[in-house]
């Protein structure tokens, strides 16, 4: 299930980039992807830790990074044609199944970013509330 989660994340991040340039998918293209490790949830359920590895073909190196994040906010608009809405729901469902603290904000009348004032206000309020929840004591 964790591998499915990171496959979904990788695809959702890669689809917009790949769709912009129309050429056959090459080994070099594949090496541009970041390698994301399996997430581990802390014992108290408040943090998620995972690794990300950057690959530099020219230098023949791999650079690992460790990320510790408190929660995940999935935001998606129905009119975002670069990433299908089902991917956002799959990501959120996977996060919930893994026990990762997460919320989803879905706009049926927006694309990538909310343009309508009421949606924009909700977007900022939800993001700020989540940051406050995990940074305030």
N, C-alpha and C. Protein backbone atom coordinates (compact mmCIF):
# COMPACT_ATOMS: atom_id res chain seq x y z
N UNK A 1 0.83 -1.19 0.00
CA UNK A 1 0.00 0.00 0.00
C UNK A 1 0.88 1.26 0.00
N UNK A 2 2.00 1.22 0.72
CA UNK A 2 2.88 2.38 0.75
C UNK A 2 3.50 2.64 -0.61
N UNK A 3 3.85 1.57 -1.29
CA UNK A 3 4.43 1.75 -2.62
C UNK A 3 3.39 2.35 -3.57
N UNK A 4 2.14 1.96 -3.43
CA UNK A 4 1.07 2.53 -4.24
C UNK A 4 0.95 4.02 -3.98
N UNK A 5 1.04 4.41 -2.72
CA UNK A 5 0.98 5.82 -2.34
C UNK A 5 2.06 6.62 -3.06
N UNK A 6 3.29 6.14 -3.02
CA UNK A 6 4.38 6.89 -3.63
C UNK A 6 4.37 6.79 -5.15
N UNK A 7 3.82 5.73 -5.68
CA UNK A 7 3.63 5.66 -7.12
C UNK A 7 2.64 6.74 -7.55
N UNK A 8 1.56 6.89 -6.81
CA UNK A 8 0.55 7.91 -7.12
C UNK A 8 1.16 9.30 -7.02
N UNK A 9 1.92 9.55 -5.95
CA UNK A 9 2.56 10.86 -5.78
C UNK A 9 3.53 11.12 -6.93
N UNK A 10 4.35 10.13 -7.26
CA UNK A 10 5.33 10.31 -8.34
C UNK A 10 4.64 10.60 -9.66
N UNK A 11 3.58 9.87 -9.95
CA UNK A 11 2.86 10.07 -11.20
C UNK A 11 2.19 11.44 -11.22
N UNK A 12 1.57 11.83 -10.10
CA UNK A 12 0.87 13.12 -10.08
C UNK A 12 1.84 14.28 -10.23
N UNK A 13 3.08 14.13 -9.76
CA UNK A 13 4.07 15.18 -9.93
C UNK A 13 4.71 15.14 -11.31
N UNK A 14 4.79 13.97 -11.90
CA UNK A 14 5.47 13.81 -13.17
C UNK A 14 4.58 14.13 -14.37
N UNK A 15 3.29 13.87 -14.27
CA UNK A 15 2.40 14.04 -15.42
C UNK A 15 2.44 15.45 -15.99
N UNK A 16 2.35 16.52 -15.16
CA UNK A 16 2.41 17.85 -15.76
C UNK A 16 3.74 18.12 -16.47
N UNK A 17 4.84 17.66 -15.90
CA UNK A 17 6.15 17.90 -16.49
C UNK A 17 6.32 17.14 -17.79
N UNK A 18 5.87 15.90 -17.82
CA UNK A 18 6.02 15.07 -19.02
C UNK A 18 5.11 15.56 -20.13
N UNK A 19 3.90 15.98 -19.77
CA UNK A 19 2.94 16.40 -20.79
C UNK A 19 3.36 17.68 -21.49
N UNK A 20 4.28 18.46 -20.90
CA UNK A 20 4.70 19.71 -21.50
C UNK A 20 5.64 19.48 -22.68
N UNK A 21 6.45 18.43 -22.64
CA UNK A 21 7.37 18.16 -23.72
C UNK A 21 7.01 16.82 -24.36
N UNK A 22 6.75 16.85 -25.64
CA UNK A 22 6.31 15.63 -26.31
C UNK A 22 7.50 14.97 -26.98
N UNK A 23 8.01 13.94 -26.30
CA UNK A 23 9.09 13.13 -26.85
C UNK A 23 9.04 11.77 -26.15
N UNK A 24 9.67 10.76 -26.75
CA UNK A 24 9.65 9.44 -26.11
C UNK A 24 10.31 9.50 -24.73
N UNK A 25 9.77 8.73 -23.82
CA UNK A 25 10.30 8.67 -22.46
C UNK A 25 11.63 7.94 -22.48
N UNK A 26 12.69 8.61 -22.01
CA UNK A 26 14.04 8.05 -22.08
C UNK A 26 14.56 7.71 -20.69
N UNK A 27 15.70 7.04 -20.68
CA UNK A 27 16.37 6.72 -19.42
C UNK A 27 16.72 8.01 -18.67
N UNK A 28 17.18 9.02 -19.39
CA UNK A 28 17.52 10.30 -18.77
C UNK A 28 16.29 10.95 -18.13
N UNK A 29 15.14 10.83 -18.78
CA UNK A 29 13.89 11.33 -18.21
C UNK A 29 13.60 10.63 -16.89
N UNK A 30 13.77 9.31 -16.90
CA UNK A 30 13.49 8.53 -15.69
C UNK A 30 14.43 8.95 -14.55
N UNK A 31 15.67 9.25 -14.86
CA UNK A 31 16.63 9.62 -13.83
C UNK A 31 16.36 11.01 -13.24
N UNK A 32 15.54 11.79 -13.91
CA UNK A 32 15.17 13.11 -13.38
C UNK A 32 14.16 13.01 -12.23
N UNK A 33 13.48 11.85 -12.14
CA UNK A 33 12.54 11.65 -11.05
C UNK A 33 13.28 11.51 -9.74
N UNK A 34 12.69 12.03 -8.69
CA UNK A 34 13.24 11.82 -7.35
C UNK A 34 12.80 10.44 -6.87
N UNK A 35 13.66 9.78 -6.14
CA UNK A 35 13.33 8.47 -5.57
C UNK A 35 12.78 8.70 -4.18
N UNK A 36 11.52 8.39 -3.95
CA UNK A 36 10.87 8.63 -2.67
C UNK A 36 10.74 7.31 -1.93
N UNK A 37 11.25 7.26 -0.69
CA UNK A 37 11.19 6.05 0.12
C UNK A 37 9.84 5.88 0.79
N UNK A 38 9.68 4.74 1.43
CA UNK A 38 8.42 4.44 2.11
C UNK A 38 8.27 5.33 3.35
N UNK A 39 7.06 5.82 3.60
CA UNK A 39 6.84 6.66 4.78
C UNK A 39 6.75 5.81 6.05
N UNK A 40 7.17 6.38 7.13
CA UNK A 40 7.01 5.76 8.45
C UNK A 40 6.33 6.78 9.35
N UNK A 41 5.26 6.38 10.00
CA UNK A 41 4.52 7.26 10.89
C UNK A 41 5.10 7.10 12.30
N UNK A 42 5.28 8.23 13.01
CA UNK A 42 5.82 8.18 14.36
C UNK A 42 4.86 7.45 15.29
N UNK A 43 5.38 7.03 16.43
CA UNK A 43 4.56 6.26 17.38
C UNK A 43 3.35 7.05 17.86
N UNK A 44 3.50 8.38 18.00
CA UNK A 44 2.37 9.19 18.46
C UNK A 44 1.44 9.58 17.31
N UNK A 45 1.82 9.22 16.07
CA UNK A 45 0.98 9.49 14.91
C UNK A 45 0.99 10.94 14.45
N UNK A 46 1.91 11.76 14.96
CA UNK A 46 1.92 13.18 14.63
C UNK A 46 2.91 13.54 13.51
N UNK A 47 3.83 12.65 13.19
CA UNK A 47 4.86 12.96 12.21
C UNK A 47 5.00 11.83 11.21
N UNK A 48 5.44 12.18 10.03
CA UNK A 48 5.74 11.20 8.99
C UNK A 48 7.16 11.48 8.52
N UNK A 49 7.98 10.43 8.43
CA UNK A 49 9.35 10.58 7.95
C UNK A 49 9.50 9.75 6.68
N UNK A 50 10.19 10.31 5.69
CA UNK A 50 10.48 9.57 4.47
C UNK A 50 11.75 10.12 3.84
N UNK A 51 12.34 9.35 2.97
CA UNK A 51 13.57 9.78 2.31
C UNK A 51 13.30 10.12 0.86
N UNK A 52 14.11 11.03 0.34
CA UNK A 52 14.06 11.39 -1.07
C UNK A 52 15.50 11.38 -1.58
N UNK A 53 15.73 10.72 -2.70
CA UNK A 53 17.08 10.63 -3.26
C UNK A 53 17.09 11.32 -4.61
N UNK A 54 18.02 12.28 -4.78
CA UNK A 54 18.25 12.93 -6.06
C UNK A 54 19.36 12.20 -6.78
N UNK A 55 19.21 12.00 -8.09
CA UNK A 55 20.23 11.33 -8.89
C UNK A 55 20.81 12.35 -9.86
N UNK A 56 22.15 12.45 -9.88
CA UNK A 56 22.86 13.32 -10.82
C UNK A 56 23.66 12.42 -11.75
N UNK A 57 23.17 12.25 -12.98
CA UNK A 57 23.84 11.37 -13.93
C UNK A 57 25.22 11.88 -14.31
N UNK A 58 25.34 13.19 -14.51
CA UNK A 58 26.63 13.76 -14.92
C UNK A 58 27.72 13.51 -13.88
N UNK A 59 27.36 13.69 -12.60
CA UNK A 59 28.34 13.48 -11.52
C UNK A 59 28.35 12.03 -11.03
N UNK A 60 27.41 11.22 -11.54
CA UNK A 60 27.29 9.82 -11.12
C UNK A 60 27.15 9.71 -9.60
N UNK A 61 26.24 10.54 -9.05
CA UNK A 61 26.02 10.55 -7.60
C UNK A 61 24.54 10.46 -7.27
N UNK A 62 24.30 10.02 -6.05
CA UNK A 62 22.96 10.03 -5.47
C UNK A 62 23.05 10.84 -4.18
N UNK A 63 22.11 11.75 -3.99
CA UNK A 63 22.09 12.58 -2.78
C UNK A 63 20.82 12.29 -2.00
N UNK A 64 20.96 11.66 -0.81
CA UNK A 64 19.76 11.37 -0.02
C UNK A 64 19.34 12.56 0.85
N UNK A 65 18.06 12.70 1.04
CA UNK A 65 17.49 13.73 1.91
C UNK A 65 16.44 13.05 2.80
N UNK A 66 16.37 13.46 4.04
CA UNK A 66 15.37 12.94 4.98
C UNK A 66 14.35 14.05 5.22
N UNK A 67 13.09 13.74 5.08
CA UNK A 67 12.01 14.69 5.31
C UNK A 67 11.17 14.23 6.49
N UNK A 68 10.86 15.15 7.37
CA UNK A 68 9.95 14.90 8.48
C UNK A 68 8.82 15.92 8.35
N UNK A 69 7.62 15.44 8.17
CA UNK A 69 6.48 16.33 7.97
C UNK A 69 5.37 15.97 8.95
N UNK A 70 4.62 16.97 9.40
CA UNK A 70 3.58 16.71 10.39
C UNK A 70 2.28 16.18 9.79
N UNK A 71 1.92 16.62 8.62
CA UNK A 71 0.63 16.23 8.06
C UNK A 71 0.62 16.55 6.58
N UNK A 72 -0.39 16.08 5.88
CA UNK A 72 -0.50 16.32 4.45
C UNK A 72 -1.86 16.93 4.14
N UNK A 73 -1.85 18.00 3.36
CA UNK A 73 -3.07 18.64 2.89
C UNK A 73 -3.14 18.42 1.39
N UNK A 74 -4.13 17.68 0.93
CA UNK A 74 -4.34 17.41 -0.50
C UNK A 74 -5.38 18.41 -0.98
N UNK A 75 -5.01 19.22 -1.98
CA UNK A 75 -5.92 20.22 -2.54
C UNK A 75 -6.06 19.94 -4.03
N UNK A 76 -7.30 19.89 -4.50
CA UNK A 76 -7.49 19.61 -5.93
C UNK A 76 -8.76 20.26 -6.43
N UNK A 77 -8.73 20.66 -7.69
CA UNK A 77 -9.89 21.22 -8.36
C UNK A 77 -10.35 20.31 -9.48
N UNK A 78 -11.65 20.19 -9.65
CA UNK A 78 -12.23 19.32 -10.68
C UNK A 78 -11.78 19.73 -12.07
N UNK A 79 -11.53 21.00 -12.29
CA UNK A 79 -11.18 21.50 -13.62
C UNK A 79 -9.67 21.51 -13.87
N UNK A 80 -8.90 20.86 -13.02
CA UNK A 80 -7.47 20.71 -13.26
C UNK A 80 -7.31 19.55 -14.23
N UNK A 81 -6.99 19.87 -15.48
CA UNK A 81 -6.92 18.83 -16.50
C UNK A 81 -5.54 18.21 -16.62
N UNK A 82 -4.56 18.73 -15.87
CA UNK A 82 -3.22 18.14 -15.91
C UNK A 82 -3.13 16.91 -15.02
N UNK A 83 -3.84 16.91 -13.91
CA UNK A 83 -3.85 15.77 -13.00
C UNK A 83 -5.31 15.40 -12.75
N UNK A 84 -5.64 14.17 -13.05
CA UNK A 84 -7.02 13.72 -12.90
C UNK A 84 -7.43 13.74 -11.43
N UNK A 85 -8.66 14.13 -11.19
CA UNK A 85 -9.16 14.25 -9.82
C UNK A 85 -9.11 12.92 -9.07
N UNK A 86 -9.22 11.83 -9.80
CA UNK A 86 -9.16 10.51 -9.13
C UNK A 86 -7.82 10.30 -8.45
N UNK A 87 -6.75 10.87 -8.98
CA UNK A 87 -5.44 10.72 -8.36
C UNK A 87 -5.39 11.43 -7.02
N UNK A 88 -6.05 12.57 -6.91
CA UNK A 88 -6.08 13.29 -5.64
C UNK A 88 -6.85 12.48 -4.60
N UNK A 89 -7.98 11.91 -5.01
CA UNK A 89 -8.76 11.09 -4.08
C UNK A 89 -8.01 9.82 -3.69
N UNK A 90 -7.28 9.23 -4.64
CA UNK A 90 -6.48 8.04 -4.33
C UNK A 90 -5.38 8.38 -3.34
N UNK A 91 -4.72 9.51 -3.55
CA UNK A 91 -3.66 9.94 -2.64
C UNK A 91 -4.22 10.13 -1.23
N UNK A 92 -5.32 10.85 -1.13
CA UNK A 92 -5.91 11.11 0.18
C UNK A 92 -6.35 9.81 0.86
N UNK A 93 -6.98 8.93 0.10
CA UNK A 93 -7.42 7.65 0.66
C UNK A 93 -6.24 6.83 1.15
N UNK A 94 -5.16 6.82 0.38
CA UNK A 94 -3.96 6.08 0.79
C UNK A 94 -3.37 6.67 2.06
N UNK A 95 -3.31 7.99 2.14
CA UNK A 95 -2.80 8.64 3.35
C UNK A 95 -3.63 8.24 4.57
N UNK A 96 -4.94 8.25 4.40
CA UNK A 96 -5.83 7.88 5.50
C UNK A 96 -5.63 6.42 5.90
N UNK A 97 -5.50 5.54 4.91
CA UNK A 97 -5.30 4.12 5.21
C UNK A 97 -3.98 3.86 5.92
N UNK A 98 -2.96 4.68 5.61
CA UNK A 98 -1.66 4.54 6.25
C UNK A 98 -1.63 5.19 7.63
N UNK A 99 -2.70 5.89 7.97
CA UNK A 99 -2.75 6.55 9.27
C UNK A 99 -2.01 7.88 9.29
N UNK A 100 -1.71 8.43 8.12
CA UNK A 100 -1.02 9.70 8.04
C UNK A 100 -2.03 10.82 8.30
N UNK A 101 -1.74 11.71 9.25
CA UNK A 101 -2.66 12.83 9.48
C UNK A 101 -2.81 13.63 8.17
N UNK A 102 -4.02 13.72 7.68
CA UNK A 102 -4.23 14.38 6.39
C UNK A 102 -5.64 14.94 6.29
N UNK A 103 -5.75 15.94 5.42
CA UNK A 103 -7.04 16.54 5.09
C UNK A 103 -7.10 16.72 3.60
N UNK A 104 -8.32 16.77 3.06
CA UNK A 104 -8.48 17.02 1.63
C UNK A 104 -9.42 18.19 1.43
N UNK A 105 -9.02 19.06 0.52
CA UNK A 105 -9.82 20.20 0.14
C UNK A 105 -10.09 20.07 -1.36
N UNK A 106 -11.37 19.93 -1.72
CA UNK A 106 -11.75 19.67 -3.11
C UNK A 106 -12.66 20.80 -3.59
N UNK A 107 -12.31 21.36 -4.75
CA UNK A 107 -13.12 22.42 -5.35
C UNK A 107 -13.72 21.90 -6.65
N UNK A 108 -15.03 21.79 -6.69
CA UNK A 108 -15.70 21.26 -7.89
C UNK A 108 -15.73 22.29 -9.02
N UNK A 109 -15.48 23.56 -8.71
CA UNK A 109 -15.60 24.62 -9.71
C UNK A 109 -14.29 25.35 -9.96
N UNK A 110 -13.16 24.73 -9.64
CA UNK A 110 -11.86 25.38 -9.82
C UNK A 110 -10.89 24.48 -10.57
N UNK A 111 -9.79 25.08 -11.02
CA UNK A 111 -8.74 24.32 -11.70
C UNK A 111 -7.59 24.07 -10.72
N UNK A 112 -6.36 24.46 -11.09
CA UNK A 112 -5.21 24.18 -10.24
C UNK A 112 -5.20 25.00 -8.96
N UNK A 113 -5.64 26.22 -9.06
CA UNK A 113 -5.59 27.13 -7.91
C UNK A 113 -6.93 27.85 -7.83
N UNK A 114 -7.47 27.99 -6.62
CA UNK A 114 -8.79 28.65 -6.51
C UNK A 114 -8.73 30.12 -6.89
N UNK A 115 -9.59 30.53 -7.80
CA UNK A 115 -9.66 31.92 -8.24
C UNK A 115 -10.84 32.67 -7.63
N UNK A 116 -11.89 31.95 -7.28
CA UNK A 116 -13.06 32.59 -6.70
C UNK A 116 -12.75 33.00 -5.27
N UNK A 117 -13.16 34.20 -4.88
CA UNK A 117 -12.79 34.71 -3.55
C UNK A 117 -13.14 33.78 -2.39
N UNK A 118 -14.34 33.20 -2.40
CA UNK A 118 -14.73 32.33 -1.29
C UNK A 118 -13.87 31.06 -1.25
N UNK A 119 -13.50 30.54 -2.42
CA UNK A 119 -12.65 29.35 -2.47
C UNK A 119 -11.22 29.68 -2.04
N UNK A 120 -10.75 30.84 -2.46
CA UNK A 120 -9.41 31.27 -2.06
C UNK A 120 -9.32 31.45 -0.55
N UNK A 121 -10.35 32.04 0.03
CA UNK A 121 -10.37 32.22 1.50
C UNK A 121 -10.37 30.87 2.21
N UNK A 122 -11.16 29.92 1.71
CA UNK A 122 -11.20 28.60 2.31
C UNK A 122 -9.85 27.90 2.18
N UNK A 123 -9.21 28.06 1.02
CA UNK A 123 -7.88 27.47 0.78
C UNK A 123 -6.89 27.98 1.82
N UNK A 124 -6.81 29.31 1.97
CA UNK A 124 -5.86 29.89 2.93
C UNK A 124 -6.21 29.53 4.37
N UNK A 125 -7.49 29.55 4.71
CA UNK A 125 -7.90 29.21 6.07
C UNK A 125 -7.53 27.77 6.40
N UNK A 126 -7.81 26.85 5.49
CA UNK A 126 -7.51 25.44 5.72
C UNK A 126 -6.01 25.22 5.86
N UNK A 127 -5.22 25.81 4.96
CA UNK A 127 -3.76 25.66 5.03
C UNK A 127 -3.21 26.27 6.32
N UNK A 128 -3.66 27.46 6.67
CA UNK A 128 -3.18 28.11 7.89
C UNK A 128 -3.60 27.34 9.14
N UNK A 129 -4.82 26.83 9.16
CA UNK A 129 -5.28 26.03 10.31
C UNK A 129 -4.43 24.78 10.48
N UNK A 130 -4.07 24.15 9.37
CA UNK A 130 -3.25 22.94 9.45
C UNK A 130 -1.84 23.29 9.97
N UNK A 131 -1.28 24.37 9.48
CA UNK A 131 0.04 24.79 9.97
C UNK A 131 -0.04 25.12 11.45
N UNK A 132 -1.07 25.85 11.85
CA UNK A 132 -1.24 26.18 13.29
C UNK A 132 -1.40 24.92 14.12
N UNK A 133 -2.15 23.96 13.63
CA UNK A 133 -2.40 22.73 14.38
C UNK A 133 -1.09 22.00 14.68
N UNK A 134 -0.15 22.02 13.73
CA UNK A 134 1.07 21.24 13.90
C UNK A 134 2.25 22.05 14.42
N UNK A 135 2.11 23.37 14.49
CA UNK A 135 3.23 24.17 14.98
C UNK A 135 2.93 24.86 16.31
N UNK A 136 1.67 24.97 16.68
CA UNK A 136 1.31 25.58 17.96
C UNK A 136 1.17 24.52 19.03
N UNK A 137 1.42 24.89 20.26
CA UNK A 137 1.27 23.94 21.37
C UNK A 137 -0.02 24.18 22.10
